[in-house]
C-alpha atoms as a PDB file:
ATOM      1  CA  UNK A   1     -63.197  36.488  61.241  1.00  0.00           C
ATOM      2  CA  UNK A   2     -61.196  33.182  61.699  1.00  0.00           C
ATOM      3  CA  UNK A   3     -61.580  32.492  58.006  1.00  0.00           C
ATOM      4  CA  UNK A   4     -59.866  35.725  57.014  1.00  0.00           C
ATOM      5  CA  UNK A   5     -57.002  35.071  59.405  1.00  0.00           C
ATOM      6  CA  UNK A   6     -56.310  31.661  57.902  1.00  0.00           C
ATOM      7  CA  UNK A   7     -56.136  33.101  54.396  1.00  0.00           C
ATOM      8  CA  UNK A   8     -53.822  35.852  55.584  1.00  0.00           C
ATOM      9  CA  UNK A   9     -51.268  33.367  56.909  1.00  0.00           C
ATOM     10  CA  UNK A  10     -51.504  30.981  53.972  1.00  0.00           C
ATOM     11  CA  UNK A  11     -50.897  33.615  51.328  1.00  0.00           C
ATOM     12  CA  UNK A  12     -47.156  34.251  52.068  1.00  0.00           C
ATOM     13  CA  UNK A  13     -46.496  30.518  52.132  1.00  0.00           C
ATOM     14  CA  UNK A  14     -47.958  30.130  48.629  1.00  0.00           C
ATOM     15  CA  UNK A  15     -45.954  33.080  47.265  1.00  0.00           C
ATOM     16  CA  UNK A  16     -42.714  31.837  48.794  1.00  0.00           C
ATOM     17  CA  UNK A  17     -43.180  28.392  47.311  1.00  0.00           C
ATOM     18  CA  UNK A  18     -43.763  29.892  43.868  1.00  0.00           C
ATOM     19  CA  UNK A  19     -40.501  31.856  43.971  1.00  0.00           C
ATOM     20  CA  UNK A  20     -38.486  28.698  44.569  1.00  0.00           C
ATOM     21  CA  UNK A  21     -39.606  27.294  41.213  1.00  0.00           C
ATOM     22  CA  UNK A  22     -37.898  30.152  39.358  1.00  0.00           C
ATOM     23  CA  UNK A  23     -34.125  30.224  38.694  1.00  0.00           C
ATOM     24  CA  UNK A  24     -32.235  32.925  40.577  1.00  0.00           C
ATOM     25  CA  UNK A  25     -30.367  35.512  38.521  1.00  0.00           C
ATOM     26  CA  UNK A  26     -27.034  34.388  40.007  1.00  0.00           C
ATOM     27  CA  UNK A  27     -27.551  30.719  39.126  1.00  0.00           C
ATOM     28  CA  UNK A  28     -25.430  29.774  36.083  1.00  0.00           C
ATOM     29  CA  UNK A  29     -27.263  28.195  33.175  1.00  0.00           C
ATOM     30  CA  UNK A  30     -25.999  24.759  32.157  1.00  0.00           C
ATOM     31  CA  UNK A  31     -26.415  23.894  28.492  1.00  0.00           C
ATOM     32  CA  UNK A  32     -27.415  20.308  27.892  1.00  0.00           C
ATOM     33  CA  UNK A  33     -25.151  18.906  25.169  1.00  0.00           C
ATOM     34  CA  UNK A  34     -26.869  16.759  22.602  1.00  0.00           C
ATOM     35  CA  UNK A  35     -25.746  13.162  22.930  1.00  0.00           C
ATOM     36  CA  UNK A  36     -24.019  11.864  19.848  1.00  0.00           C
ATOM     37  CA  UNK A  37     -22.484   8.383  20.030  1.00  0.00           C
ATOM     38  CA  UNK A  38     -18.924   8.067  18.681  1.00  0.00           C
ATOM     39  CA  UNK A  39     -18.682   6.473  15.272  1.00  0.00           C
ATOM     40  CA  UNK A  40     -17.051   3.094  15.579  1.00  0.00           C
ATOM     41  CA  UNK A  41     -13.866   2.497  13.578  1.00  0.00           C
ATOM     42  CA  UNK A  42     -14.312   0.381  10.450  1.00  0.00           C
ATOM     43  CA  UNK A  43     -13.238  -3.225  10.951  1.00  0.00           C
ATOM     44  CA  UNK A  44      -9.667  -3.964   9.918  1.00  0.00           C
ATOM     45  CA  UNK A  45      -9.457  -5.983   6.729  1.00  0.00           C
ATOM     46  CA  UNK A  46      -8.350  -9.550   7.206  1.00  0.00           C
ATOM     47  CA  UNK A  47      -6.908 -11.862   4.584  1.00  0.00           C
ATOM     48  CA  UNK A  48      -7.557 -15.610   4.641  1.00  0.00           C
ATOM     49  CA  UNK A  49      -4.700 -18.066   4.518  1.00  0.00           C
ATOM     50  CA  UNK A  50      -3.414 -18.849   1.026  1.00  0.00           C
ATOM     51  CA  UNK A  51      -4.938 -15.635  -0.340  1.00  0.00           C
ATOM     52  CA  UNK A  52      -5.793 -15.906  -4.043  1.00  0.00           C
ATOM     53  CA  UNK A  53      -7.462 -13.208  -6.159  1.00  0.00           C
ATOM     54  CA  UNK A  54      -6.765 -14.730  -9.590  1.00  0.00           C
ATOM     55  CA  UNK A  55     -10.455 -15.443 -10.326  1.00  0.00           C
ATOM     56  CA  UNK A  56     -11.549 -11.858  -9.623  1.00  0.00           C
ATOM     57  CA  UNK A  57      -8.599 -10.451 -11.590  1.00  0.00           C
ATOM     58  CA  UNK A  58      -9.381 -12.682 -14.576  1.00  0.00           C
ATOM     59  CA  UNK A  59     -12.970 -11.421 -14.509  1.00  0.00           C
ATOM     60  CA  UNK A  60     -11.730  -7.812 -14.291  1.00  0.00           C
ATOM     61  CA  UNK A  61      -9.495  -8.144 -17.343  1.00  0.00           C
ATOM     62  CA  UNK A  62     -12.219  -9.896 -19.308  1.00  0.00           C
ATOM     63  CA  UNK A  63     -14.580  -6.989 -18.584  1.00  0.00           C
ATOM     64  CA  UNK A  64     -11.872  -4.461 -19.446  1.00  0.00           C
ATOM     65  CA  UNK A  65     -11.546  -5.383 -23.106  1.00  0.00           C
ATOM     66  CA  UNK A  66      -9.586  -2.215 -23.915  1.00  0.00           C
ATOM     67  CA  UNK A  67      -5.989  -1.308 -24.604  1.00  0.00           C
ATOM     68  CA  UNK A  68      -3.730  -0.656 -21.622  1.00  0.00           C
ATOM     69  CA  UNK A  69      -3.335   2.978 -22.585  1.00  0.00           C
ATOM     70  CA  UNK A  70      -7.096   3.480 -22.364  1.00  0.00           C
ATOM     71  CA  UNK A  71      -7.469   2.010 -18.877  1.00  0.00           C
ATOM     72  CA  UNK A  72      -5.549   3.771 -16.081  1.00  0.00           C
ATOM     73  CA  UNK A  73      -5.757   0.865 -13.609  1.00  0.00           C
ATOM     74  CA  UNK A  74      -4.243  -1.558 -16.119  1.00  0.00           C
ATOM     75  CA  UNK A  75      -1.521   0.934 -16.986  1.00  0.00           C
ATOM     76  CA  UNK A  76      -0.765   1.469 -13.272  1.00  0.00           C
ATOM     77  CA  UNK A  77      -0.416  -2.292 -12.723  1.00  0.00           C
ATOM     78  CA  UNK A  78       1.777  -2.689 -15.810  1.00  0.00           C
ATOM     79  CA  UNK A  79       4.095   0.157 -14.765  1.00  0.00           C
ATOM     80  CA  UNK A  80       4.484  -1.270 -11.273  1.00  0.00           C
ATOM     81  CA  UNK A  81       5.335  -4.810 -12.351  1.00  0.00           C
ATOM     82  CA  UNK A  82       7.711  -3.535 -15.050  1.00  0.00           C
ATOM     83  CA  UNK A  83       9.787  -1.784 -12.392  1.00  0.00           C
ATOM     84  CA  UNK A  84       8.581  -2.071  -8.786  1.00  0.00           C
ATOM     85  CA  UNK A  85      11.640  -0.287  -7.352  1.00  0.00           C
ATOM     86  CA  UNK A  86      11.653   3.128  -9.032  1.00  0.00           C
ATOM     87  CA  UNK A  87       8.743   5.508  -9.772  1.00  0.00           C
ATOM     88  CA  UNK A  88      10.161   6.797 -13.059  1.00  0.00           C
ATOM     89  CA  UNK A  89       9.455   5.183 -16.413  1.00  0.00           C
ATOM     90  CA  UNK A  90      13.048   5.325 -17.691  1.00  0.00           C
ATOM     91  CA  UNK A  91      15.392   5.152 -14.682  1.00  0.00           C
ATOM     92  CA  UNK A  92      19.111   5.739 -14.925  1.00  0.00           C
ATOM     93  CA  UNK A  93      21.869   3.708 -13.320  1.00  0.00           C
ATOM     94  CA  UNK A  94      22.464   6.563 -10.864  1.00  0.00           C
ATOM     95  CA  UNK A  95      18.820   6.412  -9.753  1.00  0.00           C
ATOM     96  CA  UNK A  96      19.138   2.697  -9.008  1.00  0.00           C
ATOM     97  CA  UNK A  97      22.287   3.334  -6.984  1.00  0.00           C
ATOM     98  CA  UNK A  98      20.571   6.154  -5.068  1.00  0.00           C
ATOM     99  CA  UNK A  99      17.595   3.915  -4.243  1.00  0.00           C
ATOM    100  CA  UNK A 100      19.830   1.406  -2.473  1.00  0.00           C
ATOM    101  CA  UNK A 101      20.249   2.648   1.104  1.00  0.00           C
ATOM    102  CA  UNK A 102      23.714   1.197   1.626  1.00  0.00           C
ATOM    103  CA  UNK A 103      27.013   0.758  -0.181  1.00  0.00           C
ATOM    104  CA  UNK A 104      26.972  -1.635  -3.114  1.00  0.00           C
ATOM    105  CA  UNK A 105      29.391  -3.127  -5.619  1.00  0.00           C
ATOM    106  CA  UNK A 106      28.877  -2.591  -9.344  1.00  0.00           C
ATOM    107  CA  UNK A 107      29.966  -5.079 -12.003  1.00  0.00           C
ATOM    108  CA  UNK A 108      29.274  -5.047 -15.732  1.00  0.00           C
ATOM    109  CA  UNK A 109      29.704  -7.670 -18.415  1.00  0.00           C
ATOM    110  CA  UNK A 110      29.357  -7.394 -22.202  1.00  0.00           C
ATOM    111  CA  UNK A 111      26.740  -9.646 -23.797  1.00  0.00           C
ATOM    112  CA  UNK A 112      25.814 -10.217 -27.431  1.00  0.00           C
ATOM    113  CA  UNK A 113      22.364  -9.032 -28.429  1.00  0.00           C
ATOM    114  CA  UNK A 114      20.089 -12.006 -29.181  1.00  0.00           C
ATOM    115  CA  UNK A 115      18.462 -10.300 -32.201  1.00  0.00           C
ATOM    116  CA  UNK A 116      21.504  -8.732 -33.787  1.00  0.00           C
ATOM    117  CA  UNK A 117      24.996 -10.074 -33.107  1.00  0.00           C
ATOM    118  CA  UNK A 118      26.532  -6.800 -34.264  1.00  0.00           C
ATOM    119  CA  UNK A 119      25.237  -5.144 -31.092  1.00  0.00           C
ATOM    120  CA  UNK A 120      27.127  -5.693 -27.857  1.00  0.00           C
ATOM    121  CA  UNK A 121      24.860  -5.011 -24.915  1.00  0.00           C
ATOM    122  CA  UNK A 122      25.838  -4.699 -21.245  1.00  0.00           C
ATOM    123  CA  UNK A 123      24.668  -6.550 -18.149  1.00  0.00           C
ATOM    124  CA  UNK A 124      25.028  -4.581 -14.896  1.00  0.00           C
ATOM    125  CA  UNK A 125      24.997  -6.265 -11.482  1.00  0.00           C
ATOM    126  CA  UNK A 126      24.511  -4.316  -8.254  1.00  0.00           C
ATOM    127  CA  UNK A 127      25.438  -6.319  -5.142  1.00  0.00           C
ATOM    128  CA  UNK A 128      24.770  -5.387  -1.493  1.00  0.00           C
ATOM    129  CA  UNK A 129      23.810  -7.122   1.781  1.00  0.00           C
ATOM    130  CA  UNK A 130      23.787 -10.604   0.164  1.00  0.00           C
ATOM    131  CA  UNK A 131      21.351  -9.130  -2.383  1.00  0.00           C
ATOM    132  CA  UNK A 132      21.623  -8.533  -6.102  1.00  0.00           C
ATOM    133  CA  UNK A 133      19.936  -6.456  -8.813  1.00  0.00           C
ATOM    134  CA  UNK A 134      20.544  -7.211 -12.475  1.00  0.00           C
ATOM    135  CA  UNK A 135      20.028  -4.562 -15.189  1.00  0.00           C
ATOM    136  CA  UNK A 136      20.138  -5.201 -18.913  1.00  0.00           C
ATOM    137  CA  UNK A 137      21.315  -2.321 -21.098  1.00  0.00           C
ATOM    138  CA  UNK A 138      20.639  -2.892 -24.837  1.00  0.00           C
ATOM    139  CA  UNK A 139      22.868  -0.912 -27.172  1.00  0.00           C
ATOM    140  CA  UNK A 140      20.061  -0.018 -29.583  1.00  0.00           C
ATOM    141  CA  UNK A 141      17.656   1.418 -26.947  1.00  0.00           C
ATOM    142  CA  UNK A 142      20.173   2.655 -24.364  1.00  0.00           C
ATOM    143  CA  UNK A 143      17.700   2.018 -21.539  1.00  0.00           C
ATOM    144  CA  UNK A 144      18.300   0.210 -18.251  1.00  0.00           C
ATOM    145  CA  UNK A 145      15.857  -2.699 -18.050  1.00  0.00           C
ATOM    146  CA  UNK A 146      15.278  -4.500 -14.756  1.00  0.00           C
ATOM    147  CA  UNK A 147      15.741  -8.180 -15.519  1.00  0.00           C
ATOM    148  CA  UNK A 148      16.266  -9.847 -12.135  1.00  0.00           C
ATOM    149  CA  UNK A 149      16.498  -9.076  -8.423  1.00  0.00           C
ATOM    150  CA  UNK A 150      17.040 -11.097  -5.271  1.00  0.00           C
ATOM    151  CA  UNK A 151      16.586  -8.872  -2.222  1.00  0.00           C
ATOM    152  CA  UNK A 152      17.324 -10.058   1.311  1.00  0.00           C
ATOM    153  CA  UNK A 153      17.790  -6.631   2.884  1.00  0.00           C
ATOM    154  CA  UNK A 154      15.508  -3.761   3.859  1.00  0.00           C
ATOM    155  CA  UNK A 155      17.969  -1.389   2.169  1.00  0.00           C
ATOM    156  CA  UNK A 156      16.128  -1.625  -1.156  1.00  0.00           C
ATOM    157  CA  UNK A 157      12.392  -1.001  -0.673  1.00  0.00           C
ATOM    158  CA  UNK A 158       9.815  -1.147  -3.431  1.00  0.00           C
ATOM    159  CA  UNK A 159       8.427   2.203  -4.552  1.00  0.00           C
ATOM    160  CA  UNK A 160       5.185   1.597  -2.623  1.00  0.00           C
ATOM    161  CA  UNK A 161       7.052   0.983   0.653  1.00  0.00           C
ATOM    162  CA  UNK A 162       7.082  -2.826   0.666  1.00  0.00           C
ATOM    163  CA  UNK A 163      10.439  -4.138   1.875  1.00  0.00           C
ATOM    164  CA  UNK A 164      12.055  -6.970   3.790  1.00  0.00           C
ATOM    165  CA  UNK A 165      10.431  -6.870   7.221  1.00  0.00           C
ATOM    166  CA  UNK A 166       6.972  -5.776   6.002  1.00  0.00           C
ATOM    167  CA  UNK A 167       4.143  -7.715   7.651  1.00  0.00           C
ATOM    168  CA  UNK A 168       1.971 -10.086   5.640  1.00  0.00           C
ATOM    169  CA  UNK A 169      -1.106  -7.919   6.247  1.00  0.00           C
ATOM    170  CA  UNK A 170       0.602  -4.746   4.977  1.00  0.00           C
ATOM    171  CA  UNK A 171       2.043  -6.639   2.001  1.00  0.00           C
ATOM    172  CA  UNK A 172      -1.367  -7.859   0.800  1.00  0.00           C
ATOM    173  CA  UNK A 173      -2.972  -4.508   1.562  1.00  0.00           C
ATOM    174  CA  UNK A 174      -0.485  -2.565  -0.562  1.00  0.00           C
ATOM    175  CA  UNK A 175      -0.448  -5.087  -3.408  1.00  0.00           C
ATOM    176  CA  UNK A 176      -4.207  -4.738  -3.794  1.00  0.00           C
ATOM    177  CA  UNK A 177      -3.732  -1.117  -4.850  1.00  0.00           C
ATOM    178  CA  UNK A 178      -2.833  -2.620  -8.241  1.00  0.00           C
ATOM    179  CA  UNK A 179      -4.859  -4.825 -10.570  1.00  0.00           C
ATOM    180  CA  UNK A 180      -2.373  -7.657 -10.255  1.00  0.00           C
ATOM    181  CA  UNK A 181      -2.778 -11.390  -9.848  1.00  0.00           C
ATOM    182  CA  UNK A 182      -1.913 -12.343  -6.257  1.00  0.00           C
ATOM    183  CA  UNK A 183      -1.558 -15.958  -5.238  1.00  0.00           C
ATOM    184  CA  UNK A 184      -0.362 -17.111  -1.835  1.00  0.00           C
ATOM    185  CA  UNK A 185       0.870 -20.629  -1.198  1.00  0.00           C
ATOM    186  CA  UNK A 186       1.948 -21.262   2.378  1.00  0.00           C
ATOM    187  CA  UNK A 187       4.920 -18.916   2.894  1.00  0.00           C
ATOM    188  CA  UNK A 188       5.138 -17.575  -0.661  1.00  0.00           C
ATOM    189  CA  UNK A 189       3.139 -14.709  -2.197  1.00  0.00           C
ATOM    190  CA  UNK A 190       3.451 -14.601  -5.980  1.00  0.00           C
ATOM    191  CA  UNK A 191       2.397 -11.553  -8.018  1.00  0.00           C
ATOM    192  CA  UNK A 192       2.191 -11.057 -11.787  1.00  0.00           C
ATOM    193  CA  UNK A 193       0.338  -8.997 -14.378  1.00  0.00           C
ATOM    194  CA  UNK A 194      -2.172 -10.150 -16.972  1.00  0.00           C
ATOM    195  CA  UNK A 195       0.535 -10.914 -19.546  1.00  0.00           C
ATOM    196  CA  UNK A 196       2.450 -13.017 -16.992  1.00  0.00           C
ATOM    197  CA  UNK A 197       5.776 -11.804 -18.363  1.00  0.00           C
ATOM    198  CA  UNK A 198       7.106 -10.332 -15.106  1.00  0.00           C
ATOM    199  CA  UNK A 199       6.885 -11.757 -11.581  1.00  0.00           C
ATOM    200  CA  UNK A 200       7.366 -10.703  -7.985  1.00  0.00           C
ATOM    201  CA  UNK A 201       7.757 -13.336  -5.281  1.00  0.00           C
ATOM    202  CA  UNK A 202       7.690 -12.555  -1.586  1.00  0.00           C
ATOM    203  CA  UNK A 203       9.035 -15.156   0.828  1.00  0.00           C
ATOM    204  CA  UNK A 204       7.440 -14.936   4.286  1.00  0.00           C
ATOM    205  CA  UNK A 205       8.879 -15.988   7.626  1.00  0.00           C
ATOM    206  CA  UNK A 206       7.009 -15.556  10.934  1.00  0.00           C
ATOM    207  CA  UNK A 207       4.410 -13.371   9.237  1.00  0.00           C
ATOM    208  CA  UNK A 208       6.884 -10.944   7.644  1.00  0.00           C
ATOM    209  CA  UNK A 209       8.650 -10.594   4.278  1.00  0.00           C
ATOM    210  CA  UNK A 210      12.062 -12.243   4.504  1.00  0.00           C
ATOM    211  CA  UNK A 211      13.111 -11.890   0.840  1.00  0.00           C
ATOM    212  CA  UNK A 212      11.884 -10.467  -2.472  1.00  0.00           C
ATOM    213  CA  UNK A 213      12.605 -11.988  -5.883  1.00  0.00           C
ATOM    214  CA  UNK A 214      11.856 -10.356  -9.218  1.00  0.00           C
ATOM    215  CA  UNK A 215      11.928 -11.728 -12.767  1.00  0.00           C
ATOM    216  CA  UNK A 216      11.361  -9.230 -15.552  1.00  0.00           C
ATOM    217  CA  UNK A 217      10.706  -9.530 -19.241  1.00  0.00           C
ATOM    218  CA  UNK A 218      13.693  -8.431 -21.320  1.00  0.00           C
ATOM    219  CA  UNK A 219      13.669  -8.789 -25.087  1.00  0.00           C
END
């Protein structure tokens, strides 16, 4: 008889303990989110002092033994160095004036054509903020050719956004979008194309562009 009594009292305790292991209907279910670590940002490119890519560019042009017109990267580099200020192939004088973000003075001088003395060409000079842009206008082509520029103001940016005040890092980063020869010597970054007919020179001061010089090929 004692044995039956013990089992009678133990049974409710066992049932009650089993109910606690189940989740009540009123208990909200919490979804366990899968853990996914955040992707780390790619390391920022750094450029060594006196950056020089001339060896890699020489190798690129030797591998690309094709005409400019057949290679888009070579054509892109050639178009940029031919006129780094305006995105159009045949800019007008009005487009140059519109690109300058401040008032400028315009002067023009007649000049005898070097190939044919019967032609009188025109040399245009745009002056602003102690800066100057020189355009050569041959009579027989009637096209404005960029021959020289000396920029000391942020009021004339290049068409890719480089301007006076641009940091050294941004300068090198943007220049490498073109297959151009880039050579840095202390505070000067010099850029040219494969033909070495046109040049861009960036003077740096305290890690930023302080002036931009351009020499173009005009025949």
